[in-house]
N, C-alpha and C. Protein backbone atom coordinates (compact mmCIF):
# COMPACT_ATOMS: atom_id res chain seq x y z
N MET A 1 86.89 -18.37 -41.49
CA MET A 1 87.37 -17.24 -40.72
C MET A 1 86.19 -16.64 -39.82
N LYS A 2 86.64 -16.97 -38.54
CA LYS A 2 85.73 -16.61 -37.42
C LYS A 2 85.92 -15.02 -37.13
N LYS A 3 84.78 -14.50 -37.16
CA LYS A 3 84.71 -12.84 -36.64
C LYS A 3 85.20 -12.44 -35.59
N THR A 4 85.78 -11.62 -35.04
CA THR A 4 86.14 -11.44 -33.59
C THR A 4 84.98 -10.39 -33.20
N LYS A 5 84.93 -10.37 -31.57
CA LYS A 5 83.94 -9.22 -31.11
C LYS A 5 84.23 -8.03 -31.57
N LEU A 6 84.97 -7.53 -31.96
CA LEU A 6 85.42 -6.21 -32.21
C LEU A 6 85.11 -5.87 -33.62
N GLU A 7 84.88 -7.04 -34.69
CA GLU A 7 84.41 -7.07 -36.06
C GLU A 7 82.74 -6.94 -35.87
N THR A 8 82.23 -7.85 -35.17
CA THR A 8 81.03 -7.95 -34.60
C THR A 8 80.24 -6.31 -34.51
N LEU A 9 80.78 -6.05 -33.26
CA LEU A 9 80.57 -5.04 -32.84
C LEU A 9 80.67 -3.78 -33.95
N SER A 10 81.68 -3.94 -34.45
CA SER A 10 81.67 -2.91 -35.77
C SER A 10 80.90 -2.88 -36.90
N HIS A 11 80.02 -4.24 -36.93
CA HIS A 11 79.16 -3.99 -37.79
C HIS A 11 78.02 -3.39 -37.06
N TYR A 12 77.65 -4.05 -36.37
CA TYR A 12 76.24 -3.45 -35.25
C TYR A 12 76.58 -1.92 -35.05
N ALA A 13 77.29 -1.37 -34.81
CA ALA A 13 77.68 0.23 -35.07
C ALA A 13 77.40 0.80 -36.30
N VAL A 14 77.88 0.23 -37.47
CA VAL A 14 77.38 1.05 -38.76
C VAL A 14 76.11 0.65 -38.81
N ILE A 15 75.30 -0.38 -38.52
CA ILE A 15 73.80 -0.34 -38.76
C ILE A 15 73.16 0.45 -37.45
N VAL A 16 73.28 0.75 -36.29
CA VAL A 16 72.84 1.66 -35.62
C VAL A 16 73.33 3.30 -36.46
N ILE A 17 74.42 3.49 -36.78
CA ILE A 17 74.95 4.70 -37.39
C ILE A 17 73.92 5.08 -38.45
N ALA A 18 73.69 4.17 -39.24
CA ALA A 18 72.84 4.12 -40.50
C ALA A 18 71.09 4.41 -40.29
N LEU A 19 71.01 3.81 -39.12
CA LEU A 19 69.40 4.26 -38.96
C LEU A 19 69.56 5.31 -38.29
N LEU A 20 69.95 5.94 -37.67
CA LEU A 20 70.37 7.21 -36.83
C LEU A 20 70.06 8.30 -38.09
N ALA A 21 71.36 7.96 -38.72
CA ALA A 21 71.28 9.23 -40.15
C ALA A 21 69.82 9.28 -41.11
N PHE A 22 69.05 7.97 -40.51
CA PHE A 22 67.75 7.80 -42.00
C PHE A 22 66.90 8.74 -41.42
N VAL A 23 66.73 8.39 -39.91
CA VAL A 23 65.51 8.94 -38.73
C VAL A 23 66.11 10.81 -38.83
N LEU A 24 67.26 10.88 -38.49
CA LEU A 24 67.58 12.17 -38.85
C LEU A 24 67.23 13.07 -39.88
N SER A 25 67.06 12.44 -40.75
CA SER A 25 67.40 13.00 -42.13
C SER A 25 65.55 13.13 -42.44
N ILE A 26 64.91 12.07 -42.10
CA ILE A 26 62.96 12.00 -41.48
C ILE A 26 62.91 13.48 -41.08
N LEU A 27 63.53 13.77 -40.10
CA LEU A 27 63.07 14.69 -39.02
C LEU A 27 63.53 16.15 -39.72
N GLN A 28 64.78 15.84 -40.53
CA GLN A 28 65.23 17.32 -40.90
C GLN A 28 64.48 17.72 -41.73
N THR A 29 63.40 16.68 -42.84
CA THR A 29 62.65 17.13 -44.43
C THR A 29 61.43 17.40 -43.29
N ARG A 30 60.85 17.13 -42.09
CA ARG A 30 59.67 17.65 -41.85
C ARG A 30 59.51 19.03 -41.06
N ILE A 31 60.89 19.52 -40.79
CA ILE A 31 61.45 20.61 -40.04
C ILE A 31 61.49 21.44 -41.34
N GLN A 32 62.42 21.44 -42.25
CA GLN A 32 62.30 21.53 -43.31
C GLN A 32 60.79 22.20 -44.51
N HIS A 33 60.02 21.23 -44.43
CA HIS A 33 58.66 21.25 -44.99
C HIS A 33 57.92 22.36 -44.13
N LYS A 34 58.13 22.24 -42.73
CA LYS A 34 57.14 23.09 -41.99
C LYS A 34 57.89 24.72 -42.21
N HIS A 35 58.95 25.07 -42.01
CA HIS A 35 59.76 26.04 -42.29
C HIS A 35 59.19 26.68 -43.82
N ASN A 36 58.90 25.57 -44.88
CA ASN A 36 58.55 26.21 -46.11
C ASN A 36 57.39 26.34 -46.41
N LYS A 37 56.37 26.06 -45.46
CA LYS A 37 55.24 26.11 -45.44
C LYS A 37 54.87 28.01 -44.45
N LEU A 38 55.67 27.90 -43.46
CA LEU A 38 55.49 29.18 -42.98
C LEU A 38 56.32 30.39 -43.33
N SER A 39 56.90 30.22 -44.43
CA SER A 39 57.30 31.18 -45.29
C SER A 39 56.77 31.61 -46.18
N VAL A 40 55.69 31.16 -46.43
CA VAL A 40 54.62 31.87 -47.27
C VAL A 40 53.22 31.88 -47.04
N ARG A 41 53.42 32.09 -45.58
CA ARG A 41 52.22 32.15 -44.78
C ARG A 41 51.65 33.41 -45.06
N PRO A 42 50.30 33.66 -45.35
CA PRO A 42 49.55 35.02 -45.37
C PRO A 42 49.55 35.12 -44.01
N ILE A 43 49.16 36.48 -43.92
CA ILE A 43 48.39 36.89 -42.22
C ILE A 43 47.50 38.36 -42.82
N LEU A 44 46.59 38.03 -42.52
CA LEU A 44 45.60 39.09 -43.11
C LEU A 44 44.96 39.89 -42.19
N ASN A 45 45.42 41.31 -42.27
CA ASN A 45 44.57 42.38 -41.08
C ASN A 45 43.45 43.09 -41.32
N ALA A 46 42.72 43.70 -40.83
CA ALA A 46 41.40 44.94 -40.96
C ALA A 46 42.29 46.26 -40.90
N ILE A 47 41.96 47.21 -41.77
CA ILE A 47 42.90 48.36 -41.34
C ILE A 47 40.95 49.21 -41.57
N ILE A 48 40.54 49.72 -40.19
CA ILE A 48 39.44 50.54 -40.57
C ILE A 48 40.12 52.27 -40.42
N GLU A 49 39.91 52.93 -41.50
CA GLU A 49 40.27 54.50 -41.30
C GLU A 49 38.88 55.10 -41.21
N GLN A 50 38.95 56.09 -39.87
CA GLN A 50 37.89 57.30 -40.31
C GLN A 50 38.26 58.44 -40.02
N SER A 51 37.93 59.90 -41.01
CA SER A 51 38.16 60.69 -40.63
C SER A 51 36.82 61.45 -40.70
N ASP A 52 36.66 62.82 -40.73
CA ASP A 52 35.49 63.48 -40.35
C ASP A 52 34.90 63.21 -41.03
N THR A 53 35.10 62.51 -42.61
CA THR A 53 34.13 62.81 -43.49
C THR A 53 33.49 61.13 -43.86
N THR A 54 34.84 60.23 -43.67
CA THR A 54 34.57 59.21 -44.24
C THR A 54 34.99 58.21 -43.55
N LEU A 55 34.57 56.85 -43.89
CA LEU A 55 34.65 55.77 -43.37
C LEU A 55 35.61 55.11 -44.01
N ALA A 56 36.54 54.17 -44.35
CA ALA A 56 37.08 52.98 -45.02
C ALA A 56 37.96 51.97 -44.57
N ALA A 57 37.19 50.50 -44.89
CA ALA A 57 37.75 49.60 -44.60
C ALA A 57 38.95 48.87 -45.51
N TYR A 58 40.26 48.61 -45.23
CA TYR A 58 40.97 47.64 -45.80
C TYR A 58 41.18 46.48 -45.27
N ILE A 59 41.32 45.73 -46.49
CA ILE A 59 42.58 44.61 -45.94
C ILE A 59 43.99 44.53 -45.84
N ASN A 60 44.59 43.98 -45.54
CA ASN A 60 46.18 44.21 -45.30
C ASN A 60 46.72 42.91 -45.40
N ASN A 61 47.62 42.23 -46.09
CA ASN A 61 48.11 41.15 -45.87
C ASN A 61 49.58 41.39 -45.53
N LYS A 62 49.71 41.40 -44.26
CA LYS A 62 51.35 41.31 -43.36
C LYS A 62 51.89 39.74 -43.37
N GLY A 63 51.75 39.12 -43.97
CA GLY A 63 52.46 37.44 -43.91
C GLY A 63 53.39 38.22 -45.27
N VAL A 64 53.87 36.93 -45.49
CA VAL A 64 54.97 36.91 -46.21
C VAL A 64 54.77 36.29 -47.76
N GLY A 65 53.77 35.69 -47.86
CA GLY A 65 52.95 34.89 -49.00
C GLY A 65 51.57 35.38 -49.50
N PRO A 66 51.48 35.40 -50.60
CA PRO A 66 49.85 35.30 -50.61
C PRO A 66 48.76 34.79 -50.16
N ALA A 67 48.05 35.73 -50.25
CA ALA A 67 46.21 35.23 -49.60
C ALA A 67 45.26 35.18 -50.71
N ILE A 68 44.96 33.86 -50.63
CA ILE A 68 44.03 33.46 -51.77
C ILE A 68 42.83 33.53 -51.23
N ILE A 69 41.86 34.30 -51.48
CA ILE A 69 40.71 34.47 -50.95
C ILE A 69 39.40 33.06 -51.45
N LYS A 70 38.82 32.70 -50.48
CA LYS A 70 38.12 31.18 -50.86
C LYS A 70 36.63 31.76 -50.69
N GLU A 71 36.39 32.50 -49.73
CA GLU A 71 34.88 32.59 -49.54
C GLU A 71 34.69 34.09 -48.67
N ALA A 72 34.14 35.00 -48.91
CA ALA A 72 33.65 36.23 -48.07
C ALA A 72 32.43 36.01 -47.85
N SER A 73 32.20 36.58 -46.74
CA SER A 73 30.65 37.20 -46.49
C SER A 73 30.40 38.18 -45.79
N PHE A 74 29.14 38.73 -45.96
CA PHE A 74 29.11 40.58 -45.12
C PHE A 74 27.74 40.17 -44.63
N SER A 75 28.01 40.38 -43.19
CA SER A 75 26.64 40.78 -42.60
C SER A 75 25.94 42.13 -42.02
N PHE A 76 24.95 42.49 -42.62
CA PHE A 76 24.06 43.47 -41.95
C PHE A 76 22.79 43.49 -41.90
N ASP A 77 22.75 43.79 -40.57
CA ASP A 77 20.95 44.03 -40.28
C ASP A 77 20.40 42.50 -40.50
N GLY A 78 21.06 41.75 -39.70
CA GLY A 78 20.53 40.38 -39.95
C GLY A 78 20.49 39.68 -41.08
N LYS A 79 21.18 40.43 -42.10
CA LYS A 79 21.43 39.43 -43.10
C LYS A 79 22.36 39.40 -43.39
N THR A 80 22.77 38.11 -44.46
CA THR A 80 24.16 37.88 -45.01
C THR A 80 24.32 37.79 -46.54
N TYR A 81 25.01 38.20 -46.82
CA TYR A 81 25.30 38.73 -48.49
C TYR A 81 26.96 38.16 -48.70
N ASP A 82 27.29 37.77 -50.15
CA ASP A 82 28.34 37.09 -50.46
C ASP A 82 28.93 38.16 -50.88
N ASP A 83 28.51 39.45 -51.14
CA ASP A 83 29.03 40.35 -52.16
C ASP A 83 28.65 41.57 -51.23
N ILE A 84 30.15 42.52 -51.58
CA ILE A 84 29.94 43.68 -50.82
C ILE A 84 28.94 44.44 -51.13
N GLU A 85 28.89 44.71 -52.70
CA GLU A 85 28.51 45.53 -53.57
C GLU A 85 26.89 45.48 -53.35
N LYS A 86 26.31 43.96 -53.27
CA LYS A 86 25.10 43.38 -52.88
C LYS A 86 24.58 43.96 -51.59
N LEU A 87 25.51 43.91 -50.45
CA LEU A 87 25.10 44.62 -49.32
C LEU A 87 24.77 46.08 -49.43
N LEU A 88 25.56 46.51 -49.78
CA LEU A 88 25.33 48.19 -49.96
C LEU A 88 24.28 48.49 -51.05
N ARG A 89 24.07 47.67 -51.88
CA ARG A 89 22.70 48.05 -52.77
C ARG A 89 21.33 47.66 -52.59
N GLU A 90 21.06 46.21 -51.16
CA GLU A 90 20.23 45.82 -50.59
C GLU A 90 20.01 46.75 -49.49
N SER A 91 20.68 47.51 -48.64
CA SER A 91 20.80 48.41 -47.32
C SER A 91 20.69 49.69 -47.59
N GLY A 92 20.72 49.91 -48.87
CA GLY A 92 20.38 51.59 -49.68
C GLY A 92 21.76 52.25 -48.83
N LEU A 93 22.95 51.53 -48.55
CA LEU A 93 24.26 52.37 -48.51
C LEU A 93 24.81 52.70 -49.65
N ILE A 94 24.73 52.25 -50.83
CA ILE A 94 25.13 51.96 -51.96
C ILE A 94 24.90 54.23 -52.34
N LYS A 95 24.43 54.79 -52.03
CA LYS A 95 24.37 55.99 -52.27
C LYS A 95 25.49 56.63 -51.47
N ILE A 96 25.98 56.07 -50.02
CA ILE A 96 27.24 57.09 -49.85
C ILE A 96 28.17 56.26 -50.16
N ARG A 97 28.34 55.16 -51.30
CA ARG A 97 29.65 54.56 -51.38
C ARG A 97 30.39 55.32 -52.37
N LEU A 98 31.92 55.63 -51.90
CA LEU A 98 32.71 56.41 -52.84
C LEU A 98 33.33 55.41 -53.46
N GLY A 99 34.14 54.26 -52.89
CA GLY A 99 34.78 53.06 -53.64
C GLY A 99 34.93 52.30 -53.04
N GLY A 100 35.27 50.89 -53.53
CA GLY A 100 35.15 49.82 -53.24
C GLY A 100 36.04 48.64 -53.98
N TYR A 101 36.16 47.59 -53.40
CA TYR A 101 36.78 46.04 -54.04
C TYR A 101 36.12 45.10 -53.93
N THR A 102 35.95 44.15 -54.76
CA THR A 102 34.58 43.11 -54.92
C THR A 102 35.82 41.77 -54.63
N LEU A 103 35.66 41.14 -53.49
CA LEU A 103 36.46 40.10 -53.22
C LEU A 103 35.85 38.41 -53.65
N ASN A 104 36.36 38.72 -55.14
CA ASN A 104 35.86 37.52 -56.07
C ASN A 104 36.51 35.95 -55.52
N PRO A 105 36.09 34.91 -55.63
CA PRO A 105 36.79 33.82 -54.93
C PRO A 105 38.19 33.59 -56.17
N ASP A 106 39.30 32.99 -55.43
CA ASP A 106 40.47 32.93 -56.08
C ASP A 106 41.09 34.38 -56.31
N ALA A 107 40.51 35.41 -55.70
CA ALA A 107 41.10 36.25 -55.91
C ALA A 107 42.45 36.63 -54.71
N VAL A 108 43.73 36.91 -55.33
CA VAL A 108 44.91 37.13 -54.55
C VAL A 108 45.33 38.57 -54.08
N ILE A 109 45.88 38.54 -52.75
CA ILE A 109 46.09 39.75 -51.99
C ILE A 109 47.58 39.70 -51.51
N SER A 110 48.63 39.96 -52.58
CA SER A 110 49.73 40.18 -52.12
C SER A 110 50.27 40.04 -50.88
N ALA A 111 52.00 39.65 -50.58
CA ALA A 111 52.00 40.04 -49.29
C ALA A 111 52.39 41.57 -49.34
N ASP A 112 52.28 42.44 -48.35
CA ASP A 112 52.55 43.48 -47.70
C ASP A 112 51.47 44.36 -48.90
N GLU A 113 50.33 43.94 -49.13
CA GLU A 113 49.37 44.75 -50.29
C GLU A 113 48.00 45.38 -48.84
N ASP A 114 47.46 46.74 -49.44
CA ASP A 114 46.67 46.85 -48.73
C ASP A 114 45.45 46.84 -50.10
N ARG A 115 44.19 46.67 -49.48
CA ARG A 115 42.91 46.39 -50.76
C ARG A 115 42.21 47.26 -49.82
N LEU A 116 41.60 48.46 -50.92
CA LEU A 116 40.27 48.73 -50.20
C LEU A 116 39.12 48.02 -50.25
N LEU A 117 38.63 47.79 -49.35
CA LEU A 117 37.32 46.92 -49.56
C LEU A 117 36.25 47.55 -49.70
N VAL A 118 35.97 48.91 -49.23
CA VAL A 118 34.88 49.88 -48.87
C VAL A 118 35.38 51.03 -48.87
N ARG A 119 34.65 52.11 -48.84
CA ARG A 119 34.82 53.76 -48.58
C ARG A 119 33.81 54.40 -48.54
N LEU A 120 33.10 55.02 -47.65
CA LEU A 120 31.68 55.22 -47.38
C LEU A 120 31.85 56.85 -46.79
N LYS A 121 30.74 57.53 -47.85
CA LYS A 121 30.72 58.91 -47.03
C LYS A 121 29.82 58.80 -45.84
N GLY A 122 30.82 59.45 -44.51
CA GLY A 122 29.95 59.65 -43.22
C GLY A 122 30.50 58.81 -42.27
N ARG A 123 30.72 58.81 -41.04
CA ARG A 123 31.23 58.11 -39.95
C ARG A 123 30.40 57.18 -39.25
N ASP A 124 28.98 57.36 -39.32
CA ASP A 124 28.07 56.53 -38.40
C ASP A 124 27.71 55.02 -38.81
N ILE A 125 28.55 54.20 -39.51
CA ILE A 125 28.03 53.52 -40.26
C ILE A 125 28.64 52.28 -39.54
N LYS A 126 27.55 51.75 -38.83
CA LYS A 126 28.21 50.80 -37.69
C LYS A 126 27.07 49.54 -37.96
N GLY A 127 28.12 48.34 -37.80
CA GLY A 127 27.19 46.71 -37.87
C GLY A 127 27.45 45.97 -38.85
N VAL A 128 28.75 46.60 -39.66
CA VAL A 128 28.78 45.36 -41.03
C VAL A 128 29.96 44.50 -40.27
N LYS A 129 29.55 43.02 -40.29
CA LYS A 129 30.62 42.14 -40.29
C LYS A 129 31.01 41.40 -41.25
N VAL A 130 32.60 41.56 -41.78
CA VAL A 130 32.87 40.73 -42.30
C VAL A 130 33.39 39.44 -41.76
N ASN A 131 33.40 38.12 -42.91
CA ASN A 131 33.78 37.21 -42.64
C ASN A 131 34.55 36.66 -43.67
N LEU A 132 36.37 36.15 -43.72
CA LEU A 132 36.87 36.15 -45.23
C LEU A 132 37.77 34.60 -44.80
N THR A 133 37.47 33.46 -45.56
CA THR A 133 38.20 32.17 -45.53
C THR A 133 39.28 32.81 -46.46
N TYR A 134 40.77 32.43 -46.42
CA TYR A 134 41.58 32.25 -47.31
C TYR A 134 42.65 31.23 -47.10
N GLU A 135 43.18 31.32 -48.17
CA GLU A 135 44.49 30.14 -48.13
C GLU A 135 45.80 30.54 -48.58
N SER A 136 46.88 29.52 -48.24
CA SER A 136 48.31 30.21 -48.44
C SER A 136 48.41 29.18 -49.81
N VAL A 137 49.58 29.09 -50.61
CA VAL A 137 50.32 28.69 -51.77
C VAL A 137 49.77 26.81 -51.30
N TYR A 138 50.56 26.97 -50.10
CA TYR A 138 50.28 25.52 -50.13
C TYR A 138 48.82 24.90 -49.83
N GLU A 139 47.53 25.42 -49.46
CA GLU A 139 46.30 25.14 -49.59
C GLU A 139 45.90 25.17 -48.17
N GLU A 140 46.81 25.68 -47.14
CA GLU A 140 46.46 25.57 -45.77
C GLU A 140 45.07 27.00 -45.63
N GLN A 141 44.19 26.80 -45.37
CA GLN A 141 42.81 27.81 -44.74
C GLN A 141 42.74 28.55 -43.44
N TYR A 142 42.69 29.26 -43.53
CA TYR A 142 42.83 30.27 -41.91
C TYR A 142 41.29 31.03 -42.54
N ASP A 143 40.89 32.03 -41.34
CA ASP A 143 39.60 32.20 -41.06
C ASP A 143 40.22 34.21 -40.68
N MET A 144 39.23 34.69 -41.23
CA MET A 144 39.32 36.58 -40.50
C MET A 144 38.09 36.83 -40.08
N SER A 145 37.61 37.60 -39.65
CA SER A 145 36.93 38.53 -39.41
C SER A 145 36.86 39.38 -38.45
N PHE A 146 36.12 40.59 -39.10
CA PHE A 146 36.29 41.98 -38.25
C PHE A 146 35.21 42.23 -38.66
N SER A 147 34.83 43.52 -37.85
CA SER A 147 33.55 44.56 -38.31
C SER A 147 33.81 45.99 -38.20
N PHE A 148 32.70 46.49 -38.88
CA PHE A 148 33.07 48.34 -38.71
C PHE A 148 31.96 48.62 -38.93
């Protein structure tokens, strides 16, 4: 039995529709994957608070996912330290420290969390540069720098 032109055209149409559906499902999967990554992206900010007697540096996560700290470095007077406590001890600023938090590798800063980095007595402390490398849960890396 011989196929008519309409039946042949119908078969080709089914194949084209199937291929288009396949391509669209791949595109939709890519869009969904990008959305999933963005829905857990951390966004770290620095908050510097100065009062009449103190200076405080906070790290704040304004993203929607946790920030996993991978590396932290602190520069002061031409020297670089991997720990804020070491910087404070070696620079002599430890005697004016009122509080703080050590950013260990793999420390987690949750969404909407404020983490006190350091609180110092006095306002005239300047020149400390902080560099952070952090990741999302999808292991995408981000960098952040600030000074106080």
